[in-house]
Amino acid sequence: MKKLTQCLVVAIVFGGTSVQASARDLVVGYSVLSTSMAQLWVTHDAGIFDKHGLKVKPVFVQGGTRTTQALLAGDLDIAYVGPPAVISAVAGGAQLVFVTGIYRTLPYMIYGAAGVSSPAQLRGKRVGITTFGDLSDFGIRFGLRAIGLDPDKDVSIVQIGGPPIRIAALQSGAVGAAILNPPYTFHARKLGLPLLIDLIGKVEFAGSSHAIRRADLERRRDDIQRFVDAVVEGNRYFISHKRESVKSMARYLRTSDFTSLEESHDLYAKRIMSDTPVPFRSAFQAAIEYVARDLPSAAKLRPEDLYDTSLVQSAVARLGR
């Protein structure tokens, strides 16, 4: 827990935030520096949380497992995180629940290192992900199978950190392939690295969404409802306000490559995001089945054990479709 606390302190300094909370303050942790988190950043920067009476503090915590641990420890009020780590925690008795379902498909593409242009050339090589058990782990395994490789026998999956590190590993040849999401997919393309498979739209799977401690469904329901209202409005804002969204992404990702960010926005707005972030049963069922491969106790869970749709439904009823 000491290391986790240190991680959160660094993340808070990075994001320019403070953990001094008042009644309607919410500390929201996000698990990766990529466009998949942009919905949170844009909603914050556009003042939509403020409009709904909240003071939201975005905090970066590397990886889904650490973000979930921070939520359980009470260091976060909300975790914006992929389902696998939360499912594992719930299977172990943790009282966590998702209140949104932001994505139904994985926002990933798998790129090879220079000279790796066919699946056969990956045999015996290392392939890079963020951390074991997160969405990048699932995506690389699904993608490798789709191109005819056994992820447990034909390659060595290695956890090497966030997308910038994976790009560097591809450039140096430290890995033969890596899974990436926008805008890093466009960086890889500019570097001339070969695209092995585009996973977007090819698999239904619950992507990064907002999880809370189940007790807060009642204890802080008004605050959480306000947050979900803002998320629904923020999703729509992201889709319809490209210029403002790209500006926020540039700030959090610390890049001035606006061409890549604009392409990333279009990809999420047109192929990945929904303006109504309701959890989909089939998408969460796919996530349960994935976790259960290594954690058999997860197989006992039903999708309904993992999410509560009432807050999104209430938001849509009041805000309109």
C-alpha atoms as a PDB file:
ATOM      1  CA  MET A   1       0.000   0.000   0.000  1.00  0.00           C
ATOM      2  CA  LYS A   2       2.969   2.311   0.609  1.00  0.00           C
ATOM      3  CA  LYS A   3       4.032   1.969  -3.027  1.00  0.00           C
ATOM      4  CA  LEU A   4       0.467   2.535  -4.182  1.00  0.00           C
ATOM      5  CA  THR A   5       0.224   5.718  -2.123  1.00  0.00           C
ATOM      6  CA  GLN A   6       3.492   6.950  -3.629  1.00  0.00           C
ATOM      7  CA  CYS A   7       2.132   6.201  -7.088  1.00  0.00           C
ATOM      8  CA  LEU A   8      -0.977   8.231  -6.386  1.00  0.00           C
ATOM      9  CA  VAL A   9       1.054  11.167  -5.069  1.00  0.00           C
ATOM     10  CA  VAL A  10       3.079  11.232  -8.285  1.00  0.00           C
ATOM     11  CA  ALA A  11      -0.074  10.949 -10.356  1.00  0.00           C
ATOM     12  CA  ILE A  12      -1.741  13.798  -8.511  1.00  0.00           C
ATOM     13  CA  VAL A  13       1.266  16.061  -9.020  1.00  0.00           C
ATOM     14  CA  PHE A  14       1.297  15.091 -12.703  1.00  0.00           C
ATOM     15  CA  GLY A  15      -2.344  16.022 -13.124  1.00  0.00           C
ATOM     16  CA  GLY A  16      -2.097  19.185 -11.071  1.00  0.00           C
ATOM     17  CA  THR A  17      -4.733  17.958  -8.623  1.00  0.00           C
ATOM     18  CA  SER A  18      -5.279  17.844  -4.871  1.00  0.00           C
ATOM     19  CA  VAL A  19      -6.980  15.212  -2.766  1.00  0.00           C
ATOM     20  CA  GLN A  20      -8.517  17.690  -0.342  1.00  0.00           C
ATOM     21  CA  ALA A  21     -12.163  16.814  -0.787  1.00  0.00           C
ATOM     22  CA  SER A  22     -15.397  18.548   0.034  1.00  0.00           C
ATOM     23  CA  ALA A  23     -18.911  17.100   0.003  1.00  0.00           C
ATOM     24  CA  ARG A  24     -19.224  16.997  -3.770  1.00  0.00           C
ATOM     25  CA  ASP A  25     -15.581  16.450  -4.695  1.00  0.00           C
ATOM     26  CA  LEU A  26     -14.786  13.284  -6.624  1.00  0.00           C
ATOM     27  CA  VAL A  27     -11.309  11.908  -7.246  1.00  0.00           C
ATOM     28  CA  VAL A  28     -11.456   9.932 -10.492  1.00  0.00           C
ATOM     29  CA  GLY A  29      -8.551   7.668 -11.382  1.00  0.00           C
ATOM     30  CA  TYR A  30      -7.804   6.700 -14.965  1.00  0.00           C
ATOM     31  CA  SER A  31      -5.607   3.778 -15.875  1.00  0.00           C
ATOM     32  CA  VAL A  32      -3.762   4.627 -19.092  1.00  0.00           C
ATOM     33  CA  LEU A  33      -2.504   7.639 -21.033  1.00  0.00           C
ATOM     34  CA  SER A  34      -4.333   7.166 -24.301  1.00  0.00           C
ATOM     35  CA  THR A  35      -7.299   8.476 -26.246  1.00  0.00           C
ATOM     36  CA  SER A  36      -9.496   5.872 -24.550  1.00  0.00           C
ATOM     37  CA  MET A  37      -9.415   8.158 -21.491  1.00  0.00           C
ATOM     38  CA  ALA A  38     -10.213  11.318 -23.471  1.00  0.00           C
ATOM     39  CA  GLN A  39     -13.886  11.245 -22.553  1.00  0.00           C
ATOM     40  CA  LEU A  40     -12.912  12.049 -18.949  1.00  0.00           C
ATOM     41  CA  TRP A  41     -10.440  14.780 -19.875  1.00  0.00           C
ATOM     42  CA  VAL A  42     -12.789  16.512 -22.304  1.00  0.00           C
ATOM     43  CA  THR A  43     -15.744  16.425 -19.908  1.00  0.00           C
ATOM     44  CA  HIS A  44     -13.521  17.947 -17.223  1.00  0.00           C
ATOM     45  CA  ASP A  45     -11.979  20.642 -19.410  1.00  0.00           C
ATOM     46  CA  ALA A  46     -15.331  21.661 -20.907  1.00  0.00           C
ATOM     47  CA  GLY A  47     -16.663  22.416 -17.418  1.00  0.00           C
ATOM     48  CA  ILE A  48     -19.407  19.804 -17.679  1.00  0.00           C
ATOM     49  CA  PHE A  49     -18.670  18.308 -14.254  1.00  0.00           C
ATOM     50  CA  ASP A  50     -18.809  21.807 -12.759  1.00  0.00           C
ATOM     51  CA  LYS A  51     -22.143  22.359 -14.500  1.00  0.00           C
ATOM     52  CA  HIS A  52     -23.495  19.324 -12.666  1.00  0.00           C
ATOM     53  CA  GLY A  53     -22.293  20.557  -9.294  1.00  0.00           C
ATOM     54  CA  LEU A  54     -19.130  18.475  -9.015  1.00  0.00           C
ATOM     55  CA  LYS A  55     -15.462  19.211  -8.488  1.00  0.00           C
ATOM     56  CA  VAL A  56     -13.793  16.316 -10.297  1.00  0.00           C
ATOM     57  CA  LYS A  57     -10.065  15.676  -9.956  1.00  0.00           C
ATOM     58  CA  PRO A  58      -8.649  13.375 -12.654  1.00  0.00           C
ATOM     59  CA  VAL A  59      -5.715  11.307 -11.359  1.00  0.00           C
ATOM     60  CA  PHE A  60      -3.487   9.066 -13.488  1.00  0.00           C
ATOM     61  CA  VAL A  61      -2.717   5.625 -12.014  1.00  0.00           C
ATOM     62  CA  GLN A  62      -0.742   3.307 -14.303  1.00  0.00           C
ATOM     63  CA  GLY A  63      -2.606   0.097 -15.157  1.00  0.00           C
ATOM     64  CA  GLY A  64      -5.996  -1.397 -14.407  1.00  0.00           C
ATOM     65  CA  THR A  65      -4.864  -3.465 -11.414  1.00  0.00           C
ATOM     66  CA  ARG A  66      -3.372  -0.499  -9.553  1.00  0.00           C
ATOM     67  CA  THR A  67      -6.377   1.683 -10.354  1.00  0.00           C
ATOM     68  CA  THR A  68      -8.735  -0.960  -9.011  1.00  0.00           C
ATOM     69  CA  GLN A  69      -6.604  -1.345  -5.872  1.00  0.00           C
ATOM     70  CA  ALA A  70      -6.700   2.422  -5.354  1.00  0.00           C
ATOM     71  CA  LEU A  71     -10.501   2.378  -5.592  1.00  0.00           C
ATOM     72  CA  LEU A  72     -10.729  -0.447  -3.053  1.00  0.00           C
ATOM     73  CA  ALA A  73      -8.337   1.383  -0.727  1.00  0.00           C
ATOM     74  CA  GLY A  74     -10.497   4.499  -0.772  1.00  0.00           C
ATOM     75  CA  ASP A  75      -7.843   6.612  -2.537  1.00  0.00           C
ATOM     76  CA  LEU A  76     -10.263   7.089  -5.439  1.00  0.00           C
ATOM     77  CA  ASP A  77     -13.993   7.727  -5.559  1.00  0.00           C
ATOM     78  CA  ILE A  78     -14.335   6.441  -9.126  1.00  0.00           C
ATOM     79  CA  ALA A  79     -12.064   4.317 -11.308  1.00  0.00           C
ATOM     80  CA  TYR A  80     -12.103   4.782 -15.083  1.00  0.00           C
ATOM     81  CA  VAL A  81     -10.733   1.373 -15.915  1.00  0.00           C
ATOM     82  CA  GLY A  82     -11.080  -1.735 -18.065  1.00  0.00           C
ATOM     83  CA  PRO A  83     -13.277  -4.504 -16.603  1.00  0.00           C
ATOM     84  CA  PRO A  84     -10.757  -7.392 -16.168  1.00  0.00           C
ATOM     85  CA  ALA A  85      -9.153  -6.084 -12.967  1.00  0.00           C
ATOM     86  CA  VAL A  86     -12.529  -5.185 -11.476  1.00  0.00           C
ATOM     87  CA  ILE A  87     -14.004  -8.566 -12.428  1.00  0.00           C
ATOM     88  CA  SER A  88     -11.084 -10.310 -10.734  1.00  0.00           C
ATOM     89  CA  ALA A  89     -11.647  -8.239  -7.601  1.00  0.00           C
ATOM     90  CA  VAL A  90     -15.401  -8.908  -7.556  1.00  0.00           C
ATOM     91  CA  ALA A  91     -14.780 -12.644  -8.052  1.00  0.00           C
ATOM     92  CA  GLY A  92     -12.665 -12.435  -4.903  1.00  0.00           C
ATOM     93  CA  GLY A  93     -15.453 -10.787  -2.919  1.00  0.00           C
ATOM     94  CA  ALA A  94     -14.824  -7.089  -3.540  1.00  0.00           C
ATOM     95  CA  GLN A  95     -17.936  -4.918  -3.586  1.00  0.00           C
ATOM     96  CA  LEU A  96     -17.390  -2.917  -6.770  1.00  0.00           C
ATOM     97  CA  VAL A  97     -19.804  -2.058  -9.565  1.00  0.00           C
ATOM     98  CA  PHE A  98     -19.669  -0.322 -12.944  1.00  0.00           C
ATOM     99  CA  VAL A  99     -22.121   2.529 -13.459  1.00  0.00           C
ATOM    100  CA  THR A 100     -21.346   3.149 -17.157  1.00  0.00           C
ATOM    101  CA  GLY A 101     -20.343   1.160 -20.225  1.00  0.00           C
ATOM    102  CA  ILE A 102     -18.319   3.520 -22.381  1.00  0.00           C
ATOM    103  CA  TYR A 103     -17.007   1.108 -25.027  1.00  0.00           C
ATOM    104  CA  ARG A 104     -18.238  -2.171 -26.548  1.00  0.00           C
ATOM    105  CA  THR A 105     -15.237  -2.887 -28.748  1.00  0.00           C
ATOM    106  CA  LEU A 106     -11.493  -2.810 -28.181  1.00  0.00           C
ATOM    107  CA  PRO A 107      -9.740   0.314 -29.522  1.00  0.00           C
ATOM    108  CA  TYR A 108      -6.596  -1.586 -30.488  1.00  0.00           C
ATOM    109  CA  MET A 109      -4.377  -2.405 -33.433  1.00  0.00           C
ATOM    110  CA  ILE A 110      -1.348  -4.702 -33.392  1.00  0.00           C
ATOM    111  CA  TYR A 111       1.791  -3.396 -35.080  1.00  0.00           C
ATOM    112  CA  GLY A 112       4.942  -5.309 -35.872  1.00  0.00           C
ATOM    113  CA  ALA A 113       8.532  -4.156 -35.583  1.00  0.00           C
ATOM    114  CA  ALA A 114      10.426  -3.266 -38.754  1.00  0.00           C
ATOM    115  CA  GLY A 115      10.752  -6.348 -40.929  1.00  0.00           C
ATOM    116  CA  VAL A 116       7.870  -8.218 -39.283  1.00  0.00           C
ATOM    117  CA  SER A 117       5.213  -8.189 -41.950  1.00  0.00           C
ATOM    118  CA  SER A 118       3.631 -11.633 -41.506  1.00  0.00           C
ATOM    119  CA  PRO A 119       2.392 -13.677 -38.541  1.00  0.00           C
ATOM    120  CA  ALA A 120       4.972 -16.406 -39.179  1.00  0.00           C
ATOM    121  CA  GLN A 121       7.763 -13.909 -38.463  1.00  0.00           C
ATOM    122  CA  LEU A 122       6.461 -13.406 -34.914  1.00  0.00           C
ATOM    123  CA  ARG A 123       7.083 -16.984 -33.818  1.00  0.00           C
ATOM    124  CA  GLY A 124       9.594 -17.091 -30.994  1.00  0.00           C
ATOM    125  CA  LYS A 125       9.484 -13.306 -30.521  1.00  0.00           C
ATOM    126  CA  ARG A 126       8.354 -11.082 -27.649  1.00  0.00           C
ATOM    127  CA  VAL A 127       5.150  -9.070 -27.958  1.00  0.00           C
ATOM    128  CA  GLY A 128       4.437  -6.070 -25.746  1.00  0.00           C
ATOM    129  CA  ILE A 129       1.434  -5.143 -23.607  1.00  0.00           C
ATOM    130  CA  THR A 130       0.840  -2.750 -20.696  1.00  0.00           C
ATOM    131  CA  THR A 131       0.266  -5.218 -17.848  1.00  0.00           C
ATOM    132  CA  PHE A 132      -0.986  -8.775 -17.525  1.00  0.00           C
ATOM    133  CA  GLY A 133      -4.737  -9.045 -17.028  1.00  0.00           C
ATOM    134  CA  ASP A 134      -5.672  -5.695 -18.548  1.00  0.00           C
ATOM    135  CA  LEU A 135      -7.373  -4.899 -21.855  1.00  0.00           C
ATOM    136  CA  SER A 136      -4.094  -4.837 -23.766  1.00  0.00           C
ATOM    137  CA  ASP A 137      -3.430  -8.400 -22.570  1.00  0.00           C
ATOM    138  CA  PHE A 138      -6.833  -9.577 -23.785  1.00  0.00           C
ATOM    139  CA  GLY A 139      -6.457  -7.691 -27.061  1.00  0.00           C
ATOM    140  CA  ILE A 140      -3.051  -9.123 -27.920  1.00  0.00           C
ATOM    141  CA  ARG A 141      -4.238 -12.670 -27.205  1.00  0.00           C
ATOM    142  CA  PHE A 142      -7.381 -12.249 -29.274  1.00  0.00           C
ATOM    143  CA  GLY A 143      -5.437 -10.625 -32.105  1.00  0.00           C
ATOM    144  CA  LEU A 144      -2.715 -13.275 -32.169  1.00  0.00           C
ATOM    145  CA  ARG A 145      -5.297 -16.022 -32.408  1.00  0.00           C
ATOM    146  CA  ALA A 146      -7.023 -14.135 -35.211  1.00  0.00           C
ATOM    147  CA  ILE A 147      -3.818 -14.190 -37.260  1.00  0.00           C
ATOM    148  CA  GLY A 148      -3.178 -17.868 -36.584  1.00  0.00           C
ATOM    149  CA  LEU A 149      -0.811 -17.791 -33.601  1.00  0.00           C
ATOM    150  CA  ASP A 150      -1.088 -19.395 -30.179  1.00  0.00           C
ATOM    151  CA  PRO A 151      -0.330 -16.629 -27.640  1.00  0.00           C
ATOM    152  CA  ASP A 152       0.814 -19.184 -25.064  1.00  0.00           C
ATOM    153  CA  LYS A 153       3.127 -21.175 -27.347  1.00  0.00           C
ATOM    154  CA  ASP A 154       4.201 -19.184 -30.381  1.00  0.00           C
ATOM    155  CA  VAL A 155       5.270 -15.907 -28.694  1.00  0.00           C
ATOM    156  CA  SER A 156       6.302 -14.511 -25.319  1.00  0.00           C
ATOM    157  CA  ILE A 157       3.916 -11.854 -24.031  1.00  0.00           C
ATOM    158  CA  VAL A 158       5.778  -9.274 -21.951  1.00  0.00           C
ATOM    159  CA  GLN A 159       4.417  -6.393 -19.883  1.00  0.00           C
ATOM    160  CA  ILE A 160       6.467  -3.302 -20.637  1.00  0.00           C
ATOM    161  CA  GLY A 161       4.256  -0.333 -19.775  1.00  0.00           C
ATOM    162  CA  GLY A 162       2.302   2.352 -21.594  1.00  0.00           C
ATOM    163  CA  PRO A 163       2.012   3.038 -25.333  1.00  0.00           C
ATOM    164  CA  PRO A 164       5.067   5.350 -25.639  1.00  0.00           C
ATOM    165  CA  ILE A 165       7.259   2.621 -24.141  1.00  0.00           C
ATOM    166  CA  ARG A 166       5.772   0.042 -26.503  1.00  0.00           C
ATOM    167  CA  ILE A 167       6.444   2.312 -29.487  1.00  0.00           C
ATOM    168  CA  ALA A 168      10.070   2.664 -28.387  1.00  0.00           C
ATOM    169  CA  ALA A 169      10.333  -1.119 -27.967  1.00  0.00           C
ATOM    170  CA  LEU A 170       9.051  -1.615 -31.516  1.00  0.00           C
ATOM    171  CA  GLN A 171      11.551   0.889 -32.872  1.00  0.00           C
ATOM    172  CA  SER A 172      14.475  -0.741 -31.088  1.00  0.00           C
ATOM    173  CA  GLY A 173      13.416  -4.264 -31.959  1.00  0.00           C
ATOM    174  CA  ALA A 174      13.076  -5.204 -28.285  1.00  0.00           C
ATOM    175  CA  VAL A 175       9.676  -6.687 -29.197  1.00  0.00           C
ATOM    176  CA  GLY A 176       8.487  -8.182 -32.446  1.00  0.00           C
ATOM    177  CA  ALA A 177       5.007  -6.715 -32.072  1.00  0.00           C
ATOM    178  CA  ALA A 178       2.976  -4.575 -29.698  1.00  0.00           C
ATOM    179  CA  ILE A 179      -0.642  -3.676 -29.174  1.00  0.00           C
ATOM    180  CA  LEU A 180      -1.437   0.025 -29.516  1.00  0.00           C
ATOM    181  CA  ASN A 181      -4.426   2.333 -29.433  1.00  0.00           C
ATOM    182  CA  PRO A 182      -4.862   5.831 -30.892  1.00  0.00           C
ATOM    183  CA  PRO A 183      -3.024   8.137 -31.213  1.00  0.00           C
ATOM    184  CA  TYR A 184      -0.070   5.751 -30.967  1.00  0.00           C
ATOM    185  CA  THR A 185      -1.417   3.661 -33.832  1.00  0.00           C
ATOM    186  CA  PHE A 186      -0.895   6.686 -36.046  1.00  0.00           C
ATOM    187  CA  HIS A 187       2.611   7.218 -34.667  1.00  0.00           C
ATOM    188  CA  ALA A 188       3.430   3.625 -35.606  1.00  0.00           C
ATOM    189  CA  ARG A 189       2.057   4.175 -39.093  1.00  0.00           C
ATOM    190  CA  LYS A 190       4.165   7.303 -39.550  1.00  0.00           C
ATOM    191  CA  LEU A 191       7.234   5.335 -38.508  1.00  0.00           C
ATOM    192  CA  GLY A 192       6.495   2.873 -41.299  1.00  0.00           C
ATOM    193  CA  LEU A 193       5.831  -0.026 -38.935  1.00  0.00           C
ATOM    194  CA  PRO A 194       3.629  -2.811 -40.357  1.00  0.00           C
ATOM    195  CA  LEU A 195       0.017  -3.159 -39.236  1.00  0.00           C
ATOM    196  CA  LEU A 196      -0.651  -6.815 -38.473  1.00  0.00           C
ATOM    197  CA  ILE A 197      -4.316  -6.583 -37.478  1.00  0.00           C
ATOM    198  CA  ASP A 198      -6.942  -3.922 -36.760  1.00  0.00           C
ATOM    199  CA  LEU A 199      -9.115  -5.175 -33.887  1.00  0.00           C
ATOM    200  CA  ILE A 200     -11.601  -2.293 -33.813  1.00  0.00           C
ATOM    201  CA  GLY A 201     -15.118  -3.599 -34.335  1.00  0.00           C
ATOM    202  CA  LYS A 202     -13.936  -7.195 -34.656  1.00  0.00           C
ATOM    203  CA  VAL A 203     -14.697  -8.252 -31.097  1.00  0.00           C
ATOM    204  CA  GLU A 204     -17.350  -7.244 -28.606  1.00  0.00           C
ATOM    205  CA  PHE A 205     -15.782  -6.658 -25.214  1.00  0.00           C
ATOM    206  CA  ALA A 206     -16.516  -4.238 -22.390  1.00  0.00           C
ATOM    207  CA  GLY A 207     -13.888  -1.518 -22.515  1.00  0.00           C
ATOM    208  CA  SER A 208     -12.875   1.159 -20.029  1.00  0.00           C
ATOM    209  CA  SER A 209     -15.832   2.335 -17.960  1.00  0.00           C
ATOM    210  CA  HIS A 210     -16.526   3.901 -14.565  1.00  0.00           C
ATOM    211  CA  ALA A 211     -16.480   1.694 -11.460  1.00  0.00           C
ATOM    212  CA  ILE A 212     -17.345   2.662  -7.892  1.00  0.00           C
ATOM    213  CA  ARG A 213     -17.585   0.973  -4.517  1.00  0.00           C
ATOM    214  CA  ARG A 214     -21.010  -0.644  -4.358  1.00  0.00           C
ATOM    215  CA  ALA A 215     -21.784   1.035  -1.023  1.00  0.00           C
ATOM    216  CA  ASP A 216     -21.625   4.412  -2.778  1.00  0.00           C
ATOM    217  CA  LEU A 217     -24.656   3.501  -4.902  1.00  0.00           C
ATOM    218  CA  GLU A 218     -26.685   4.438  -1.827  1.00  0.00           C
ATOM    219  CA  ARG A 219     -24.299   6.407   0.386  1.00  0.00           C
ATOM    220  CA  ARG A 220     -23.386   8.916  -2.349  1.00  0.00           C
ATOM    221  CA  ARG A 221     -26.036   8.233  -4.941  1.00  0.00           C
ATOM    222  CA  ASP A 222     -26.746  11.899  -5.652  1.00  0.00           C
ATOM    223  CA  ASP A 223     -23.062  12.605  -6.327  1.00  0.00           C
ATOM    224  CA  ILE A 224     -22.666   9.498  -8.507  1.00  0.00           C
ATOM    225  CA  GLN A 225     -25.852  10.331 -10.420  1.00  0.00           C
ATOM    226  CA  ARG A 226     -24.527  13.815 -11.095  1.00  0.00           C
ATOM    227  CA  PHE A 227     -21.283  12.248 -12.318  1.00  0.00           C
ATOM    228  CA  VAL A 228     -23.104   9.886 -14.690  1.00  0.00           C
ATOM    229  CA  ASP A 229     -25.257  12.770 -15.957  1.00  0.00           C
ATOM    230  CA  ALA A 230     -22.035  14.613 -16.789  1.00  0.00           C
ATOM    231  CA  VAL A 231     -20.572  11.522 -18.481  1.00  0.00           C
ATOM    232  CA  VAL A 232     -23.601  11.204 -20.751  1.00  0.00           C
ATOM    233  CA  GLU A 233     -23.383  14.889 -21.641  1.00  0.00           C
ATOM    234  CA  GLY A 234     -19.598  14.648 -21.972  1.00  0.00           C
ATOM    235  CA  ASN A 235     -19.783  11.758 -24.419  1.00  0.00           C
ATOM    236  CA  ARG A 236     -22.043  13.792 -26.664  1.00  0.00           C
ATOM    237  CA  TYR A 237     -19.782  16.816 -26.325  1.00  0.00           C
ATOM    238  CA  PHE A 238     -16.718  14.766 -27.280  1.00  0.00           C
ATOM    239  CA  ILE A 239     -18.417  13.428 -30.400  1.00  0.00           C
ATOM    240  CA  SER A 240     -19.702  16.821 -31.564  1.00  0.00           C
ATOM    241  CA  HIS A 241     -16.818  19.129 -30.500  1.00  0.00           C
ATOM    242  CA  LYS A 242     -13.745  17.899 -32.318  1.00  0.00           C
ATOM    243  CA  ARG A 243     -11.549  20.977 -31.953  1.00  0.00           C
ATOM    244  CA  GLU A 244     -12.070  21.327 -28.201  1.00  0.00           C
ATOM    245  CA  SER A 245     -11.615  17.582 -27.681  1.00  0.00           C
ATOM    246  CA  VAL A 246      -8.353  17.506 -29.608  1.00  0.00           C
ATOM    247  CA  LYS A 247      -7.072  20.417 -27.522  1.00  0.00           C
ATOM    248  CA  SER A 248      -7.752  18.480 -24.304  1.00  0.00           C
ATOM    249  CA  MET A 249      -6.109  15.334 -25.658  1.00  0.00           C
ATOM    250  CA  ALA A 250      -3.013  17.309 -26.625  1.00  0.00           C
ATOM    251  CA  ARG A 251      -2.704  18.685 -23.094  1.00  0.00           C
ATOM    252  CA  TYR A 252      -3.029  15.368 -21.267  1.00  0.00           C
ATOM    253  CA  LEU A 253      -0.967  13.380 -23.755  1.00  0.00           C
ATOM    254  CA  ARG A 254       1.613  16.160 -23.941  1.00  0.00           C
ATOM    255  CA  THR A 255       1.873  16.173 -27.698  1.00  0.00           C
ATOM    256  CA  SER A 256       1.519  18.721 -30.468  1.00  0.00           C
ATOM    257  CA  ASP A 257       0.856  16.102 -33.148  1.00  0.00           C
ATOM    258  CA  PHE A 258      -2.601  17.445 -33.907  1.00  0.00           C
ATOM    259  CA  THR A 259      -2.967  15.425 -37.102  1.00  0.00           C
ATOM    260  CA  SER A 260      -2.755  12.165 -35.157  1.00  0.00           C
ATOM    261  CA  LEU A 261      -5.083  13.491 -32.473  1.00  0.00           C
ATOM    262  CA  GLU A 262      -7.676  14.566 -35.035  1.00  0.00           C
ATOM    263  CA  GLU A 263      -7.580  11.122 -36.629  1.00  0.00           C
ATOM    264  CA  SER A 264      -7.846   9.576 -33.166  1.00  0.00           C
ATOM    265  CA  HIS A 265     -10.900  11.674 -32.399  1.00  0.00           C
ATOM    266  CA  ASP A 266     -12.602  10.603 -35.606  1.00  0.00           C
ATOM    267  CA  LEU A 267     -11.855   6.957 -34.890  1.00  0.00           C
ATOM    268  CA  TYR A 268     -13.369   7.093 -31.408  1.00  0.00           C
ATOM    269  CA  ALA A 269     -16.310   9.304 -32.373  1.00  0.00           C
ATOM    270  CA  LYS A 270     -17.298   7.270 -35.439  1.00  0.00           C
ATOM    271  CA  ARG A 271     -16.224   3.681 -34.719  1.00  0.00           C
ATOM    272  CA  ILE A 272     -15.878   3.182 -30.983  1.00  0.00           C
ATOM    273  CA  MET A 273     -17.923   5.490 -28.744  1.00  0.00           C
ATOM    274  CA  SER A 274     -21.632   5.640 -28.037  1.00  0.00           C
ATOM    275  CA  ASP A 275     -23.380   8.809 -26.934  1.00  0.00           C
ATOM    276  CA  THR A 276     -25.360   6.688 -24.452  1.00  0.00           C
ATOM    277  CA  PRO A 277     -22.849   4.833 -22.248  1.00  0.00           C
ATOM    278  CA  VAL A 278     -25.087   2.039 -20.985  1.00  0.00           C
ATOM    279  CA  PRO A 279     -23.376  -1.246 -20.038  1.00  0.00           C
ATOM    280  CA  PHE A 280     -24.110  -4.028 -22.554  1.00  0.00           C
ATOM    281  CA  ARG A 281     -24.678  -7.499 -21.178  1.00  0.00           C
ATOM    282  CA  SER A 282     -22.944  -9.333 -24.026  1.00  0.00           C
ATOM    283  CA  ALA A 283     -19.866  -7.121 -23.790  1.00  0.00           C
ATOM    284  CA  PHE A 284     -19.499  -7.787 -20.057  1.00  0.00           C
ATOM    285  CA  GLN A 285     -20.142 -11.501 -20.587  1.00  0.00           C
ATOM    286  CA  ALA A 286     -17.162 -11.574 -22.962  1.00  0.00           C
ATOM    287  CA  ALA A 287     -15.040  -9.899 -20.288  1.00  0.00           C
ATOM    288  CA  ILE A 288     -16.141 -12.447 -17.666  1.00  0.00           C
ATOM    289  CA  GLU A 289     -15.230 -15.347 -19.954  1.00  0.00           C
ATOM    290  CA  TYR A 290     -11.809 -13.853 -20.570  1.00  0.00           C
ATOM    291  CA  VAL A 291     -11.037 -13.435 -16.866  1.00  0.00           C
ATOM    292  CA  ALA A 292     -12.398 -16.904 -16.082  1.00  0.00           C
ATOM    293  CA  ARG A 293      -9.730 -18.498 -18.302  1.00  0.00           C
ATOM    294  CA  ASP A 294      -7.194 -17.798 -15.544  1.00  0.00           C
ATOM    295  CA  LEU A 295      -9.533 -17.237 -12.593  1.00  0.00           C
ATOM    296  CA  PRO A 296     -12.193 -19.984 -12.566  1.00  0.00           C
ATOM    297  CA  SER A 297     -14.181 -18.341  -9.757  1.00  0.00           C
ATOM    298  CA  ALA A 298     -15.062 -15.509 -12.168  1.00  0.00           C
ATOM    299  CA  ALA A 299     -17.137 -17.937 -14.239  1.00  0.00           C
ATOM    300  CA  LYS A 300     -19.794 -17.876 -11.500  1.00  0.00           C
ATOM    301  CA  LEU A 301     -20.433 -14.171 -12.099  1.00  0.00           C
ATOM    302  CA  ARG A 302     -23.273 -12.882 -14.229  1.00  0.00           C
ATOM    303  CA  PRO A 303     -22.897  -9.623 -16.170  1.00  0.00           C
ATOM    304  CA  GLU A 304     -25.600  -8.145 -13.919  1.00  0.00           C
ATOM    305  CA  ASP A 305     -23.327  -8.747 -10.927  1.00  0.00           C
ATOM    306  CA  LEU A 306     -20.881  -6.230 -12.384  1.00  0.00           C
ATOM    307  CA  TYR A 307     -22.944  -3.214 -13.381  1.00  0.00           C
ATOM    308  CA  ASP A 308     -25.910  -1.049 -12.498  1.00  0.00           C
ATOM    309  CA  THR A 309     -27.681   0.565 -15.457  1.00  0.00           C
ATOM    310  CA  SER A 310     -30.116   2.667 -13.438  1.00  0.00           C
ATOM    311  CA  LEU A 311     -27.963   5.807 -13.326  1.00  0.00           C
ATOM    312  CA  VAL A 312     -27.405   5.951 -17.085  1.00  0.00           C
ATOM    313  CA  GLN A 313     -31.082   5.242 -17.686  1.00  0.00           C
ATOM    314  CA  SER A 314     -32.026   8.059 -15.321  1.00  0.00           C
ATOM    315  CA  ALA A 315     -29.586  10.437 -17.001  1.00  0.00           C
ATOM    316  CA  VAL A 316     -30.915   9.680 -20.474  1.00  0.00           C
ATOM    317  CA  ALA A 317     -34.527  10.033 -19.314  1.00  0.00           C
ATOM    318  CA  ARG A 318     -33.822  13.535 -17.983  1.00  0.00           C
ATOM    319  CA  LEU A 319     -31.244  14.746 -20.517  1.00  0.00           C
ATOM    320  CA  GLY A 320     -32.926  13.245 -23.561  1.00  0.00           C
ATOM    321  CA  ARG A 321     -31.490  10.970 -26.217  1.00  0.00           C
END
